């Protein structure tokens, strides 16, 4: 299913749903960040996805990372809450979601990186100095910046 993100765009369609979701910032011992190349919008992003009934939000984060990357993780901390009503995602089935996402920091505890071919076409460890070279939505760049900011003592709330 194709997706278009709109941020602060007066021509954006009106939201008709809200789906709690997660993203996870994961770094390895070389301080590289785990990113996925998404099928639905052809952008690089943090792994993550929608919350399912019957699970905690941290279980959602662990499950989504495993599904999209093949890696097992543990959650370290919450790094931000992102609920900008002027950020909507329009899908080709007519759904237009208002952003509602929690971002966590996670640590790999097992598994091997692999793409799933359904949601992710590539999984890559990327040095933070190379992020500007990748086609990435500004909302993902913001989440990474907040997670890596050593001066941020509390999660971002916005």
Protein backbone atom coordinates (compact mmCIF):
# COMPACT_ATOMS: atom_id res chain seq x y z
CA UNK A 1 0.00 0.00 0.00
CA UNK A 2 1.46 3.38 -1.04
CA UNK A 3 1.75 6.24 1.45
CA UNK A 4 2.29 10.00 1.24
CA UNK A 5 3.31 12.04 4.29
CA UNK A 6 2.12 15.64 4.65
CA UNK A 7 3.49 18.05 7.27
CA UNK A 8 2.14 21.60 7.62
CA UNK A 9 0.64 21.32 4.13
CA UNK A 10 -2.64 23.25 3.67
CA UNK A 11 -3.48 20.94 0.75
CA UNK A 12 -3.19 17.80 2.89
CA UNK A 13 -6.30 15.65 3.15
CA UNK A 14 -8.16 15.67 6.47
CA UNK A 15 -7.30 12.90 8.91
CA UNK A 16 -9.91 10.17 9.32
CA UNK A 17 -8.04 7.87 11.74
CA UNK A 18 -5.46 7.72 14.50
CA UNK A 19 -3.35 4.60 14.99
CA UNK A 20 -0.89 4.53 17.89
CA UNK A 21 2.50 3.56 16.53
CA UNK A 22 6.14 3.28 17.51
CA UNK A 23 9.60 3.87 16.10
CA UNK A 24 12.85 2.67 17.64
CA UNK A 25 16.33 4.21 17.54
CA UNK A 26 18.87 1.39 17.79
CA UNK A 27 22.64 1.90 17.81
CA UNK A 28 25.38 -0.70 17.54
CA UNK A 29 28.81 -0.73 19.19
CA UNK A 30 30.18 1.46 16.33
CA UNK A 31 27.49 4.05 17.15
CA UNK A 32 25.72 3.41 13.83
CA UNK A 33 21.93 3.69 13.64
CA UNK A 34 19.72 0.90 12.32
CA UNK A 35 17.53 2.08 9.42
CA UNK A 36 15.12 0.38 7.06
CA UNK A 37 14.28 1.27 3.46
CA UNK A 38 10.48 1.23 3.40
CA UNK A 39 8.42 -0.27 0.61
CA UNK A 40 5.32 1.95 1.10
CA UNK A 41 6.98 5.35 0.61
CA UNK A 42 10.48 4.46 -0.70
CA UNK A 43 12.13 6.36 2.19
CA UNK A 44 14.71 5.40 4.80
CA UNK A 45 13.24 5.27 8.30
CA UNK A 46 13.56 3.93 11.79
CA UNK A 47 11.95 0.53 12.25
CA UNK A 48 8.48 0.62 13.76
CA UNK A 49 4.79 0.32 13.12
CA UNK A 50 1.28 0.15 14.50
CA UNK A 51 0.15 -0.96 17.93
CA UNK A 52 -1.95 -4.14 18.10
CA UNK A 53 -4.72 -4.94 20.56
CA UNK A 54 -3.49 -7.15 23.39
CA UNK A 55 0.09 -5.90 23.60
CA UNK A 56 1.88 -3.21 25.54
CA UNK A 57 3.42 -0.38 23.54
CA UNK A 58 6.94 -1.69 24.29
CA UNK A 59 5.87 -5.13 23.05
CA UNK A 60 4.77 -3.37 19.86
CA UNK A 61 8.25 -1.85 19.50
CA UNK A 62 9.99 -5.21 20.04
CA UNK A 63 7.62 -7.01 17.62
CA UNK A 64 7.87 -4.39 14.87
CA UNK A 65 11.68 -4.34 14.98
CA UNK A 66 11.76 -8.15 14.77
CA UNK A 67 9.27 -8.21 11.86
CA UNK A 68 11.03 -5.51 9.86
CA UNK A 69 14.70 -6.24 10.61
CA UNK A 70 15.06 -9.77 12.00
CA UNK A 71 16.66 -8.39 15.18
CA UNK A 72 15.61 -9.04 18.75
CA UNK A 73 15.79 -5.96 20.96
CA UNK A 74 15.11 -4.71 24.43
CA UNK A 75 13.72 -1.26 25.12
CA UNK A 76 16.00 1.12 27.04
CA UNK A 77 13.91 4.29 27.28
CA UNK A 78 11.25 6.49 25.73
CA UNK A 79 12.87 9.28 23.67
CA UNK A 80 9.82 11.13 22.37
CA UNK A 81 6.09 11.45 21.81
CA UNK A 82 5.04 12.75 18.37
CA UNK A 83 1.41 13.84 17.93
CA UNK A 84 1.51 16.76 15.49
CA UNK A 85 -2.07 17.02 14.08
CA UNK A 86 -0.59 18.79 11.03
CA UNK A 87 1.35 15.62 10.12
CA UNK A 88 -0.88 13.15 8.31
CA UNK A 89 -0.15 10.05 6.27
CA UNK A 90 -2.43 9.35 3.31
CA UNK A 91 -2.74 5.76 2.09
CA UNK A 92 -4.06 4.68 -1.30
CA UNK A 93 -7.04 2.93 0.33
CA UNK A 94 -8.43 6.32 1.53
CA UNK A 95 -7.17 6.15 5.10
CA UNK A 96 -5.54 9.38 6.30
CA UNK A 97 -3.84 8.94 9.67
CA UNK A 98 -2.99 11.70 12.07
CA UNK A 99 0.48 11.12 13.47
CA UNK A 100 0.57 9.48 16.90
CA UNK A 101 3.93 7.90 17.53
CA UNK A 102 6.12 7.04 20.48
CA UNK A 103 9.84 6.73 19.84
CA UNK A 104 12.03 4.49 21.96
CA UNK A 105 15.70 3.72 22.21
CA UNK A 106 16.45 0.02 21.95
CA UNK A 107 19.41 -2.33 22.17
CA UNK A 108 20.01 -5.46 20.06
CA UNK A 109 20.06 -8.67 22.08
CA UNK A 110 19.95 -11.20 19.22
CA UNK A 111 18.97 -12.08 15.68
CA UNK A 112 20.48 -11.30 12.29
CA UNK A 113 19.61 -8.25 10.17
CA UNK A 114 17.40 -9.02 7.16
CA UNK A 115 14.70 -7.29 5.16
CA UNK A 116 11.22 -8.79 5.13
CA UNK A 117 10.42 -7.89 1.49
CA UNK A 118 6.92 -6.77 2.50
CA UNK A 119 7.52 -3.61 4.52
CA UNK A 120 11.30 -3.31 4.17
CA UNK A 121 13.45 -3.64 1.09
CA UNK A 122 16.73 -3.03 2.93
CA UNK A 123 18.11 -2.97 6.47
CA UNK A 124 21.30 -1.01 7.07
CA UNK A 125 23.51 0.23 9.89
CA UNK A 126 24.26 3.89 9.06
CA UNK A 127 26.81 6.24 10.58
CA UNK A 128 25.03 9.36 11.85
CA UNK A 129 27.34 11.50 9.69
CA UNK A 130 25.85 9.80 6.59
CA UNK A 131 22.18 10.42 7.40
CA UNK A 132 21.97 13.52 5.20
CA UNK A 133 22.80 11.39 2.16
CA UNK A 134 19.67 9.26 2.59
CA UNK A 135 16.17 10.04 1.35
CA UNK A 136 14.43 10.31 4.72
CA UNK A 137 11.31 12.10 5.97
CA UNK A 138 12.06 15.07 8.26
CA UNK A 139 10.01 13.48 11.05
CA UNK A 140 12.48 10.56 11.15
CA UNK A 141 15.45 12.93 11.24
CA UNK A 142 13.80 14.76 14.15
CA UNK A 143 13.28 11.53 16.12
CA UNK A 144 16.92 10.53 15.61
CA UNK A 145 18.15 13.99 16.63
CA UNK A 146 16.08 13.89 19.81
CA UNK A 147 17.25 10.39 20.72
CA UNK A 148 20.92 11.28 20.18
CA UNK A 149 20.81 14.67 21.94
CA UNK A 150 22.92 14.30 25.11
CA UNK A 151 21.28 17.41 26.61
CA UNK A 152 17.74 16.01 26.35
CA UNK A 153 17.01 14.76 29.86
CA UNK A 154 13.30 14.11 29.32
CA UNK A 155 11.50 12.61 26.31
CA UNK A 156 10.41 15.06 23.61
CA UNK A 157 6.70 15.86 23.93
CA UNK A 158 5.18 17.29 20.79
